[in-house]
Amino acid sequence: MQPGIKIVGIGGSSGPGSTVERALQVCLNAAKDLRADVRLINGAELTMPLYTARTEVIHQHATTLIREVADSDAVVVASPAYHGTVSGLVKNALDHLEELREDSRPYLSGRAVGCIAVGQGWQGAVSTLSTLRDITHALRGWPTPIGVAVSSRTTMFGHDGQCDDTHVQDQLTLMAQQMVEFARMRQAHLISATA
């Protein structure tokens, strides 16, 4: 029997029910359908002081984020496009992962990382997606082959959580599949290496 897979979703905006949060939830629901355990850290939970390495006391939200990521097998990060790049809320959360520098798996090492960017047009969404993938590399994560850019001008999410754009819905589902597959392959590799 395979061990469980835990996927942590990080992202959204300060307002509940944002398009970013809905896209992130579609991906997490698809991972849940693949029998992964999922945890969403969004809006209010991402509100924390700006990261500084010299802080002796770490905010409760940051402590939760760091613990959840440390215990994860995969991570999906979603950000709104603010002036062509990642929002300060999401970037600050990712900066707090510096606290994992001494962990047995530093930063995002050994984890598949899905990246989702939502903009009011394609240009901002695509440039933000590229930035998220660069940040993932810098944090030693493995970006999934597919990253998802969403234009909120053309893509809507219903009250049922489903995306009205089947192409975007399929991309978010594929991203979940890639994260779960990577995590299972890594687990199998670790098990065979210790056998």
N, C-alpha and C. Protein backbone atom coordinates (compact mmCIF):
# COMPACT_ATOMS: atom_id res chain seq x y z
N MET A 1 0.83 -1.19 0.00
CA MET A 1 0.00 0.00 0.00
C MET A 1 0.88 1.25 0.00
N GLN A 2 0.56 2.18 -0.90
CA GLN A 2 1.35 3.40 -1.01
C GLN A 2 1.03 4.36 0.13
N PRO A 3 2.06 5.07 0.63
CA PRO A 3 1.79 6.10 1.62
C PRO A 3 0.93 7.21 1.01
N GLY A 4 0.29 8.00 1.85
CA GLY A 4 -0.54 9.10 1.36
C GLY A 4 0.29 10.21 0.76
N ILE A 5 -0.34 10.99 -0.09
CA ILE A 5 0.27 12.15 -0.71
C ILE A 5 -0.39 13.38 -0.11
N LYS A 6 0.42 14.35 0.32
CA LYS A 6 -0.11 15.59 0.85
C LYS A 6 0.28 16.74 -0.07
N ILE A 7 -0.73 17.50 -0.51
CA ILE A 7 -0.50 18.65 -1.38
C ILE A 7 -1.00 19.90 -0.66
N VAL A 8 -0.15 20.91 -0.61
CA VAL A 8 -0.50 22.18 0.01
C VAL A 8 -0.71 23.22 -1.08
N GLY A 9 -1.85 23.88 -1.05
CA GLY A 9 -2.14 24.98 -1.96
C GLY A 9 -1.92 26.30 -1.26
N ILE A 10 -1.14 27.17 -1.87
CA ILE A 10 -0.82 28.48 -1.30
C ILE A 10 -1.25 29.54 -2.29
N GLY A 11 -2.08 30.48 -1.84
CA GLY A 11 -2.40 31.57 -2.74
C GLY A 11 -3.76 32.17 -2.55
N GLY A 12 -4.04 33.09 -3.42
CA GLY A 12 -5.28 33.82 -3.36
C GLY A 12 -5.00 35.29 -3.17
N SER A 13 -6.01 35.99 -2.72
CA SER A 13 -5.85 37.41 -2.43
C SER A 13 -6.52 37.68 -1.09
N SER A 14 -6.45 38.90 -0.63
CA SER A 14 -6.99 39.19 0.70
C SER A 14 -8.50 39.04 0.76
N GLY A 15 -9.18 39.13 -0.36
CA GLY A 15 -10.64 38.95 -0.38
C GLY A 15 -11.01 37.50 -0.60
N PRO A 16 -11.99 36.97 0.17
CA PRO A 16 -12.39 35.57 0.00
C PRO A 16 -13.10 35.34 -1.34
N GLY A 17 -12.96 34.14 -1.87
CA GLY A 17 -13.65 33.76 -3.10
C GLY A 17 -13.11 34.39 -4.36
N SER A 18 -11.86 34.81 -4.35
CA SER A 18 -11.27 35.43 -5.55
C SER A 18 -11.14 34.39 -6.66
N THR A 19 -10.96 34.87 -7.88
CA THR A 19 -10.75 33.97 -9.02
C THR A 19 -9.51 33.12 -8.80
N VAL A 20 -8.49 33.70 -8.20
CA VAL A 20 -7.25 32.95 -7.92
C VAL A 20 -7.56 31.79 -6.98
N GLU A 21 -8.29 32.08 -5.92
CA GLU A 21 -8.62 31.03 -4.95
C GLU A 21 -9.49 29.95 -5.58
N ARG A 22 -10.40 30.35 -6.45
CA ARG A 22 -11.27 29.36 -7.11
C ARG A 22 -10.47 28.46 -8.06
N ALA A 23 -9.53 29.04 -8.79
CA ALA A 23 -8.68 28.23 -9.68
C ALA A 23 -7.84 27.26 -8.85
N LEU A 24 -7.29 27.76 -7.76
CA LEU A 24 -6.50 26.92 -6.87
C LEU A 24 -7.34 25.78 -6.31
N GLN A 25 -8.58 26.08 -5.94
CA GLN A 25 -9.46 25.05 -5.38
C GLN A 25 -9.81 23.98 -6.40
N VAL A 26 -9.98 24.36 -7.68
CA VAL A 26 -10.24 23.37 -8.74
C VAL A 26 -9.08 22.38 -8.80
N CYS A 27 -7.85 22.90 -8.76
CA CYS A 27 -6.67 22.03 -8.80
C CYS A 27 -6.61 21.12 -7.57
N LEU A 28 -6.86 21.67 -6.40
CA LEU A 28 -6.83 20.86 -5.18
C LEU A 28 -7.94 19.81 -5.17
N ASN A 29 -9.12 20.16 -5.69
CA ASN A 29 -10.21 19.18 -5.77
C ASN A 29 -9.84 18.02 -6.70
N ALA A 30 -9.15 18.35 -7.80
CA ALA A 30 -8.71 17.29 -8.72
C ALA A 30 -7.69 16.40 -8.04
N ALA A 31 -6.81 16.98 -7.22
CA ALA A 31 -5.83 16.17 -6.48
C ALA A 31 -6.54 15.30 -5.45
N LYS A 32 -7.55 15.84 -4.82
CA LYS A 32 -8.33 15.08 -3.84
C LYS A 32 -9.01 13.88 -4.52
N ASP A 33 -9.49 14.09 -5.75
CA ASP A 33 -10.10 13.00 -6.52
C ASP A 33 -9.10 11.88 -6.81
N LEU A 34 -7.80 12.22 -6.78
CA LEU A 34 -6.73 11.24 -6.98
C LEU A 34 -6.21 10.70 -5.65
N ARG A 35 -7.00 10.88 -4.60
CA ARG A 35 -6.74 10.37 -3.25
C ARG A 35 -5.56 11.06 -2.55
N ALA A 36 -5.30 12.30 -2.92
CA ALA A 36 -4.30 13.08 -2.19
C ALA A 36 -5.00 13.82 -1.05
N ASP A 37 -4.29 14.00 0.04
CA ASP A 37 -4.76 14.87 1.11
C ASP A 37 -4.36 16.29 0.73
N VAL A 38 -5.28 17.23 0.86
CA VAL A 38 -4.98 18.59 0.44
C VAL A 38 -5.20 19.56 1.59
N ARG A 39 -4.45 20.64 1.55
CA ARG A 39 -4.57 21.71 2.55
C ARG A 39 -4.45 23.03 1.81
N LEU A 40 -5.43 23.90 1.98
CA LEU A 40 -5.43 25.22 1.35
C LEU A 40 -5.01 26.27 2.37
N ILE A 41 -4.00 27.05 2.02
CA ILE A 41 -3.59 28.20 2.82
C ILE A 41 -3.82 29.42 1.94
N ASN A 42 -4.85 30.20 2.28
CA ASN A 42 -5.27 31.28 1.39
C ASN A 42 -5.38 32.61 2.11
N GLY A 43 -5.83 33.61 1.40
CA GLY A 43 -6.08 34.96 1.86
C GLY A 43 -5.71 35.32 3.28
N ALA A 44 -6.65 35.13 4.20
CA ALA A 44 -6.44 35.55 5.58
C ALA A 44 -5.25 34.85 6.22
N GLU A 45 -5.04 33.58 5.89
CA GLU A 45 -3.91 32.83 6.46
C GLU A 45 -2.56 33.27 5.91
N LEU A 46 -2.59 34.00 4.81
CA LEU A 46 -1.34 34.49 4.22
C LEU A 46 -0.99 35.89 4.72
N THR A 47 -1.88 36.48 5.49
CA THR A 47 -1.63 37.81 6.02
C THR A 47 -0.68 37.69 7.21
N MET A 48 0.53 38.18 7.02
CA MET A 48 1.56 38.09 8.05
C MET A 48 2.56 39.22 7.83
N PRO A 49 3.36 39.53 8.84
CA PRO A 49 4.36 40.60 8.67
C PRO A 49 5.34 40.27 7.54
N LEU A 50 5.93 41.31 6.99
CA LEU A 50 6.94 41.09 5.96
C LEU A 50 8.06 40.23 6.51
N TYR A 51 8.55 39.33 5.67
CA TYR A 51 9.60 38.41 6.12
C TYR A 51 10.91 39.14 6.35
N THR A 52 11.54 38.81 7.45
CA THR A 52 12.91 39.23 7.71
C THR A 52 13.61 38.08 8.44
N ALA A 53 14.79 37.75 8.00
CA ALA A 53 15.52 36.61 8.58
C ALA A 53 15.96 36.87 10.01
N ARG A 54 15.93 38.11 10.43
CA ARG A 54 16.41 38.44 11.78
C ARG A 54 15.30 38.40 12.84
N THR A 55 14.12 37.99 12.47
CA THR A 55 13.01 37.94 13.43
C THR A 55 13.13 36.71 14.30
N GLU A 56 13.07 36.91 15.61
CA GLU A 56 13.15 35.77 16.53
C GLU A 56 11.78 35.13 16.74
N VAL A 57 10.74 35.93 16.66
CA VAL A 57 9.38 35.42 16.84
C VAL A 57 8.71 35.42 15.47
N ILE A 58 8.24 34.25 15.05
CA ILE A 58 7.60 34.12 13.74
C ILE A 58 6.10 34.12 13.94
N HIS A 59 5.40 34.88 13.12
CA HIS A 59 3.94 35.00 13.17
C HIS A 59 3.28 33.62 13.08
N GLN A 60 2.16 33.46 13.75
CA GLN A 60 1.44 32.18 13.77
C GLN A 60 1.10 31.69 12.36
N HIS A 61 0.65 32.59 11.49
CA HIS A 61 0.32 32.18 10.12
C HIS A 61 1.57 31.67 9.39
N ALA A 62 2.69 32.32 9.61
CA ALA A 62 3.94 31.88 8.97
C ALA A 62 4.37 30.53 9.51
N THR A 63 4.22 30.33 10.80
CA THR A 63 4.58 29.04 11.41
C THR A 63 3.75 27.91 10.80
N THR A 64 2.45 28.16 10.63
CA THR A 64 1.57 27.16 10.02
C THR A 64 1.99 26.87 8.58
N LEU A 65 2.24 27.93 7.81
CA LEU A 65 2.67 27.76 6.42
C LEU A 65 3.95 26.93 6.34
N ILE A 66 4.92 27.27 7.14
CA ILE A 66 6.22 26.58 7.11
C ILE A 66 6.04 25.11 7.48
N ARG A 67 5.27 24.82 8.51
CA ARG A 67 5.03 23.44 8.93
C ARG A 67 4.31 22.65 7.84
N GLU A 68 3.26 23.23 7.26
CA GLU A 68 2.50 22.53 6.23
C GLU A 68 3.36 22.22 5.00
N VAL A 69 4.17 23.18 4.57
CA VAL A 69 5.04 22.95 3.41
C VAL A 69 6.10 21.90 3.75
N ALA A 70 6.67 21.96 4.93
CA ALA A 70 7.69 20.97 5.34
C ALA A 70 7.12 19.56 5.31
N ASP A 71 5.84 19.41 5.63
CA ASP A 71 5.19 18.09 5.66
C ASP A 71 4.59 17.67 4.33
N SER A 72 4.73 18.49 3.30
CA SER A 72 4.06 18.23 2.03
C SER A 72 4.89 17.39 1.08
N ASP A 73 4.18 16.78 0.13
CA ASP A 73 4.82 16.05 -0.97
C ASP A 73 4.82 16.87 -2.24
N ALA A 74 3.91 17.84 -2.32
CA ALA A 74 3.80 18.72 -3.48
C ALA A 74 3.13 20.01 -3.03
N VAL A 75 3.33 21.05 -3.82
CA VAL A 75 2.79 22.37 -3.49
C VAL A 75 2.23 22.96 -4.78
N VAL A 76 1.13 23.67 -4.66
CA VAL A 76 0.62 24.45 -5.79
C VAL A 76 0.49 25.89 -5.31
N VAL A 77 1.07 26.81 -6.09
CA VAL A 77 1.09 28.22 -5.73
C VAL A 77 0.27 28.99 -6.76
N ALA A 78 -0.64 29.83 -6.27
CA ALA A 78 -1.48 30.63 -7.16
C ALA A 78 -1.40 32.09 -6.77
N SER A 79 -1.22 32.94 -7.76
CA SER A 79 -1.12 34.38 -7.49
C SER A 79 -1.92 35.18 -8.50
N PRO A 80 -2.52 36.27 -8.03
CA PRO A 80 -3.04 37.24 -8.99
C PRO A 80 -1.86 37.98 -9.62
N ALA A 81 -2.08 38.48 -10.82
CA ALA A 81 -1.06 39.28 -11.50
C ALA A 81 -1.22 40.72 -11.05
N TYR A 82 -0.23 41.23 -10.33
CA TYR A 82 -0.23 42.62 -9.92
C TYR A 82 0.89 43.33 -10.66
N HIS A 83 0.53 44.19 -11.59
CA HIS A 83 1.50 44.94 -12.39
C HIS A 83 2.51 44.01 -13.06
N GLY A 84 2.01 42.89 -13.55
CA GLY A 84 2.83 41.97 -14.33
C GLY A 84 3.66 41.00 -13.52
N THR A 85 3.41 40.92 -12.22
CA THR A 85 4.20 39.99 -11.41
C THR A 85 3.37 39.46 -10.24
N VAL A 86 4.02 38.71 -9.37
CA VAL A 86 3.38 38.06 -8.23
C VAL A 86 2.92 39.10 -7.21
N SER A 87 1.78 38.84 -6.58
CA SER A 87 1.29 39.76 -5.55
C SER A 87 2.23 39.75 -4.35
N GLY A 88 2.25 40.85 -3.61
CA GLY A 88 3.07 40.94 -2.41
C GLY A 88 2.67 39.92 -1.37
N LEU A 89 1.37 39.63 -1.27
CA LEU A 89 0.86 38.65 -0.31
C LEU A 89 1.48 37.27 -0.55
N VAL A 90 1.46 36.84 -1.81
CA VAL A 90 2.01 35.52 -2.15
C VAL A 90 3.53 35.52 -2.06
N LYS A 91 4.17 36.58 -2.54
CA LYS A 91 5.63 36.65 -2.49
C LYS A 91 6.13 36.62 -1.05
N ASN A 92 5.47 37.33 -0.16
CA ASN A 92 5.86 37.34 1.24
C ASN A 92 5.74 35.94 1.85
N ALA A 93 4.66 35.24 1.50
CA ALA A 93 4.49 33.86 1.99
C ALA A 93 5.64 32.99 1.51
N LEU A 94 6.00 33.11 0.24
CA LEU A 94 7.10 32.31 -0.30
C LEU A 94 8.43 32.72 0.33
N ASP A 95 8.60 33.99 0.64
CA ASP A 95 9.83 34.43 1.32
C ASP A 95 9.97 33.76 2.68
N HIS A 96 8.85 33.51 3.36
CA HIS A 96 8.90 32.85 4.67
C HIS A 96 9.44 31.42 4.59
N LEU A 97 9.45 30.83 3.38
CA LEU A 97 9.99 29.47 3.24
C LEU A 97 11.50 29.45 3.44
N GLU A 98 12.12 30.62 3.55
CA GLU A 98 13.54 30.69 3.91
C GLU A 98 13.77 29.98 5.23
N GLU A 99 12.76 29.92 6.08
CA GLU A 99 12.89 29.25 7.37
C GLU A 99 13.09 27.74 7.22
N LEU A 100 12.91 27.22 6.02
CA LEU A 100 13.15 25.79 5.76
C LEU A 100 14.58 25.54 5.25
N ARG A 101 15.44 26.54 5.32
CA ARG A 101 16.79 26.39 4.77
C ARG A 101 17.59 25.28 5.44
N GLU A 102 17.33 24.99 6.71
CA GLU A 102 18.06 23.95 7.44
C GLU A 102 17.29 22.64 7.51
N ASP A 103 16.12 22.57 6.86
CA ASP A 103 15.28 21.38 6.90
C ASP A 103 15.96 20.23 6.14
N SER A 104 15.52 19.01 6.42
CA SER A 104 16.08 17.85 5.70
C SER A 104 15.78 17.95 4.19
N ARG A 105 14.68 18.61 3.85
CA ARG A 105 14.36 18.94 2.45
C ARG A 105 14.24 20.46 2.39
N PRO A 106 15.36 21.17 2.21
CA PRO A 106 15.31 22.64 2.26
C PRO A 106 14.34 23.23 1.23
N TYR A 107 13.70 24.29 1.63
CA TYR A 107 12.82 25.06 0.76
C TYR A 107 11.75 24.15 0.14
N LEU A 108 11.74 24.02 -1.19
CA LEU A 108 10.76 23.16 -1.87
C LEU A 108 11.43 21.92 -2.48
N SER A 109 12.60 21.56 -1.98
CA SER A 109 13.35 20.42 -2.52
C SER A 109 12.49 19.15 -2.53
N GLY A 110 12.60 18.42 -3.62
CA GLY A 110 11.93 17.13 -3.73
C GLY A 110 10.42 17.22 -3.89
N ARG A 111 9.93 18.39 -4.23
CA ARG A 111 8.48 18.56 -4.37
C ARG A 111 8.13 19.06 -5.77
N ALA A 112 7.08 18.48 -6.34
CA ALA A 112 6.51 19.05 -7.55
C ALA A 112 5.77 20.31 -7.14
N VAL A 113 5.86 21.35 -7.96
CA VAL A 113 5.19 22.61 -7.65
C VAL A 113 4.38 23.05 -8.87
N GLY A 114 3.07 23.10 -8.68
CA GLY A 114 2.19 23.62 -9.71
C GLY A 114 2.09 25.13 -9.56
N CYS A 115 2.04 25.85 -10.68
CA CYS A 115 1.97 27.32 -10.64
C CYS A 115 0.75 27.79 -11.43
N ILE A 116 -0.03 28.66 -10.78
CA ILE A 116 -1.23 29.23 -11.38
C ILE A 116 -1.15 30.74 -11.26
N ALA A 117 -1.41 31.45 -12.35
CA ALA A 117 -1.44 32.91 -12.33
C ALA A 117 -2.73 33.39 -12.97
N VAL A 118 -3.36 34.34 -12.32
CA VAL A 118 -4.63 34.90 -12.82
C VAL A 118 -4.46 36.40 -13.02
N GLY A 119 -4.77 36.85 -14.22
CA GLY A 119 -4.71 38.28 -14.52
C GLY A 119 -5.96 38.74 -15.22
N GLN A 120 -6.13 40.05 -15.32
CA GLN A 120 -7.29 40.59 -16.03
C GLN A 120 -7.09 40.54 -17.54
N GLY A 121 -5.97 40.03 -17.94
CA GLY A 121 -5.65 39.80 -19.34
C GLY A 121 -4.54 38.77 -19.42
N TRP A 122 -4.26 38.30 -20.62
CA TRP A 122 -3.27 37.23 -20.77
C TRP A 122 -1.85 37.69 -20.48
N GLN A 123 -1.51 38.93 -20.85
CA GLN A 123 -0.13 39.39 -20.69
C GLN A 123 0.31 39.33 -19.23
N GLY A 124 -0.48 39.89 -18.32
CA GLY A 124 -0.13 39.86 -16.90
C GLY A 124 -0.12 38.46 -16.35
N ALA A 125 -1.09 37.64 -16.76
CA ALA A 125 -1.16 36.26 -16.26
C ALA A 125 0.07 35.46 -16.69
N VAL A 126 0.47 35.60 -17.94
CA VAL A 126 1.60 34.83 -18.46
C VAL A 126 2.91 35.29 -17.82
N SER A 127 3.11 36.60 -17.67
CA SER A 127 4.36 37.06 -17.06
C SER A 127 4.42 36.66 -15.58
N THR A 128 3.28 36.68 -14.90
CA THR A 128 3.24 36.25 -13.50
C THR A 128 3.51 34.75 -13.38
N LEU A 129 2.96 33.98 -14.31
CA LEU A 129 3.22 32.53 -14.32
C LEU A 129 4.72 32.27 -14.49
N SER A 130 5.35 32.99 -15.39
CA SER A 130 6.79 32.83 -15.60
C SER A 130 7.57 33.15 -14.33
N THR A 131 7.16 34.21 -13.63
CA THR A 131 7.82 34.57 -12.37
C THR A 131 7.64 33.49 -11.32
N LEU A 132 6.44 32.94 -11.21
CA LEU A 132 6.20 31.86 -10.24
C LEU A 132 7.10 30.66 -10.52
N ARG A 133 7.27 30.34 -11.79
CA ARG A 133 8.13 29.21 -12.15
C ARG A 133 9.60 29.52 -11.81
N ASP A 134 10.02 30.77 -12.01
CA ASP A 134 11.39 31.17 -11.64
C ASP A 134 11.59 31.07 -10.13
N ILE A 135 10.61 31.52 -9.36
CA ILE A 135 10.69 31.44 -7.91
C ILE A 135 10.76 29.98 -7.46
N THR A 136 9.97 29.13 -8.10
CA THR A 136 10.00 27.70 -7.78
C THR A 136 11.39 27.12 -7.98
N HIS A 137 12.02 27.46 -9.09
CA HIS A 137 13.40 27.00 -9.34
C HIS A 137 14.34 27.51 -8.25
N ALA A 138 14.21 28.80 -7.90
CA ALA A 138 15.08 29.38 -6.88
C ALA A 138 14.91 28.69 -5.53
N LEU A 139 13.70 28.20 -5.27
CA LEU A 139 13.42 27.48 -4.02
C LEU A 139 13.64 25.97 -4.16
N ARG A 140 14.30 25.56 -5.23
CA ARG A 140 14.70 24.17 -5.47
C ARG A 140 13.54 23.22 -5.73
N GLY A 141 12.39 23.75 -6.10
CA GLY A 141 11.24 22.91 -6.42
C GLY A 141 11.28 22.47 -7.88
N TRP A 142 10.40 21.55 -8.22
CA TRP A 142 10.28 21.02 -9.57
C TRP A 142 8.96 21.51 -10.17
N PRO A 143 8.98 22.57 -10.99
CA PRO A 143 7.72 23.03 -11.58
C PRO A 143 7.11 21.93 -12.44
N THR A 144 5.81 21.75 -12.31
CA THR A 144 5.13 20.77 -13.16
C THR A 144 5.30 21.18 -14.62
N PRO A 145 5.30 20.21 -15.53
CA PRO A 145 5.43 20.58 -16.94
C PRO A 145 4.38 21.59 -17.38
N ILE A 146 3.17 21.49 -16.82
CA ILE A 146 2.15 22.47 -17.18
C ILE A 146 2.01 23.50 -16.07
N GLY A 147 1.98 24.74 -16.48
CA GLY A 147 1.64 25.86 -15.61
C GLY A 147 0.38 26.46 -16.19
N VAL A 148 -0.45 27.07 -15.36
CA VAL A 148 -1.75 27.53 -15.84
C VAL A 148 -1.88 29.05 -15.69
N ALA A 149 -2.08 29.72 -16.82
CA ALA A 149 -2.39 31.15 -16.83
C ALA A 149 -3.88 31.29 -17.11
N VAL A 150 -4.54 32.15 -16.35
CA VAL A 150 -5.98 32.34 -16.48
C VAL A 150 -6.27 33.82 -16.67
N SER A 151 -7.05 34.14 -17.68
CA SER A 151 -7.52 35.52 -17.86
C SER A 151 -8.91 35.62 -17.24
N SER A 152 -9.03 36.45 -16.22
CA SER A 152 -10.33 36.60 -15.55
C SER A 152 -11.34 37.33 -16.43
N ARG A 153 -10.89 37.89 -17.54
CA ARG A 153 -11.82 38.54 -18.48
C ARG A 153 -12.60 37.51 -19.28
N THR A 154 -12.01 36.33 -19.48
CA THR A 154 -12.66 35.33 -20.33
C THR A 154 -13.02 34.05 -19.58
N THR A 155 -12.54 33.88 -18.37
CA THR A 155 -12.75 32.65 -17.63
C THR A 155 -13.48 32.95 -16.32
N MET A 156 -14.55 32.22 -16.09
CA MET A 156 -15.34 32.41 -14.86
C MET A 156 -15.45 31.08 -14.12
N PHE A 157 -15.71 31.18 -12.83
CA PHE A 157 -15.92 30.01 -11.99
C PHE A 157 -17.31 30.12 -11.38
N GLY A 158 -18.08 29.04 -11.52
CA GLY A 158 -19.45 29.04 -11.01
C GLY A 158 -19.52 28.81 -9.51
N HIS A 159 -20.72 28.92 -8.97
CA HIS A 159 -20.93 28.68 -7.54
C HIS A 159 -20.60 27.24 -7.15
N ASP A 160 -20.65 26.34 -8.13
CA ASP A 160 -20.31 24.94 -7.88
C ASP A 160 -18.80 24.71 -7.88
N GLY A 161 -18.02 25.77 -8.14
CA GLY A 161 -16.57 25.65 -8.14
C GLY A 161 -15.99 25.27 -9.49
N GLN A 162 -16.83 24.90 -10.43
CA GLN A 162 -16.35 24.48 -11.74
C GLN A 162 -16.02 25.69 -12.61
N CYS A 163 -15.07 25.50 -13.48
CA CYS A 163 -14.63 26.53 -14.40
C CYS A 163 -15.48 26.45 -15.67
N ASP A 164 -15.92 27.60 -16.19
CA ASP A 164 -16.75 27.59 -17.40
C ASP A 164 -15.92 27.37 -18.66
N ASP A 165 -14.61 27.44 -18.54
CA ASP A 165 -13.70 27.23 -19.67
C ASP A 165 -13.12 25.82 -19.53
N THR A 166 -13.59 24.89 -20.37
CA THR A 166 -13.17 23.49 -20.23
C THR A 166 -11.66 23.33 -20.43
N HIS A 167 -11.07 24.19 -21.25
CA HIS A 167 -9.62 24.11 -21.46
C HIS A 167 -8.87 24.42 -20.16
N VAL A 168 -9.26 25.48 -19.48
CA VAL A 168 -8.62 25.85 -18.20
C VAL A 168 -8.90 24.77 -17.16
N GLN A 169 -10.13 24.29 -17.10
CA GLN A 169 -10.49 23.22 -16.16
C GLN A 169 -9.61 22.00 -16.40
N ASP A 170 -9.43 21.62 -17.66
CA ASP A 170 -8.59 20.47 -17.99
C ASP A 170 -7.12 20.71 -17.62
N GLN A 171 -6.64 21.94 -17.80
CA GLN A 171 -5.25 22.25 -17.45
C GLN A 171 -5.04 22.15 -15.93
N LEU A 172 -5.98 22.66 -15.16
CA LEU A 172 -5.87 22.59 -13.70
C LEU A 172 -5.92 21.14 -13.22
N THR A 173 -6.74 20.33 -13.87
CA THR A 173 -6.83 18.90 -13.53
C THR A 173 -5.53 18.19 -13.89
N LEU A 174 -4.99 18.50 -15.06
CA LEU A 174 -3.72 17.89 -15.49
C LEU A 174 -2.59 18.27 -14.54
N MET A 175 -2.57 19.52 -14.08
CA MET A 175 -1.55 19.95 -13.13
C MET A 175 -1.63 19.10 -11.86
N ALA A 176 -2.84 18.87 -11.36
CA ALA A 176 -3.02 18.02 -10.17
C ALA A 176 -2.49 16.61 -10.44
N GLN A 177 -2.79 16.08 -11.60
CA GLN A 177 -2.31 14.73 -11.95
C GLN A 177 -0.78 14.69 -11.97
N GLN A 178 -0.16 15.72 -12.53
CA GLN A 178 1.30 15.76 -12.60
C GLN A 178 1.92 15.85 -11.20
N MET A 179 1.32 16.63 -10.31
CA MET A 179 1.85 16.73 -8.95
C MET A 179 1.75 15.40 -8.21
N VAL A 180 0.59 14.75 -8.32
CA VAL A 180 0.38 13.47 -7.64
C VAL A 180 1.31 12.41 -8.22
N GLU A 181 1.44 12.37 -9.54
CA GLU A 181 2.31 11.39 -10.18
C GLU A 181 3.76 11.56 -9.75
N PHE A 182 4.25 12.81 -9.73
CA PHE A 182 5.61 13.09 -9.30
C PHE A 182 5.81 12.63 -7.86
N ALA A 183 4.87 12.99 -6.99
CA ALA A 183 5.00 12.63 -5.57
C ALA A 183 5.01 11.12 -5.39
N ARG A 184 4.18 10.41 -6.13
CA ARG A 184 4.15 8.94 -6.02
C ARG A 184 5.44 8.33 -6.55
N MET A 185 5.97 8.86 -7.64
CA MET A 185 7.24 8.34 -8.17
C MET A 185 8.37 8.58 -7.17
N ARG A 186 8.37 9.76 -6.55
CA ARG A 186 9.41 10.06 -5.56
C ARG A 186 9.29 9.13 -4.37
N GLN A 187 8.08 8.90 -3.89
CA GLN A 187 7.89 7.97 -2.78
C GLN A 187 8.38 6.57 -3.14
N ALA A 188 8.03 6.11 -4.34
CA ALA A 188 8.47 4.78 -4.78
C ALA A 188 9.99 4.71 -4.85
N HIS A 189 10.61 5.77 -5.34
CA HIS A 189 12.07 5.81 -5.42
C HIS A 189 12.70 5.73 -4.02
N LEU A 190 12.16 6.51 -3.09
CA LEU A 190 12.70 6.51 -1.73
C LEU A 190 12.52 5.14 -1.05
N ILE A 191 11.39 4.51 -1.29
CA ILE A 191 11.14 3.18 -0.71
C ILE A 191 12.12 2.16 -1.29
N SER A 192 12.32 2.21 -2.63
CA SER A 192 13.24 1.23 -3.23
C SER A 192 14.70 1.49 -2.83
N ALA A 193 15.03 2.75 -2.59
CA ALA A 193 16.40 3.10 -2.21
C ALA A 193 16.73 2.62 -0.80
N THR A 194 15.72 2.50 0.05
CA THR A 194 15.96 2.05 1.42
C THR A 194 15.71 0.56 1.61
N ALA A 195 15.20 -0.10 0.56
CA ALA A 195 14.91 -1.54 0.67
C ALA A 195 16.16 -2.40 0.52
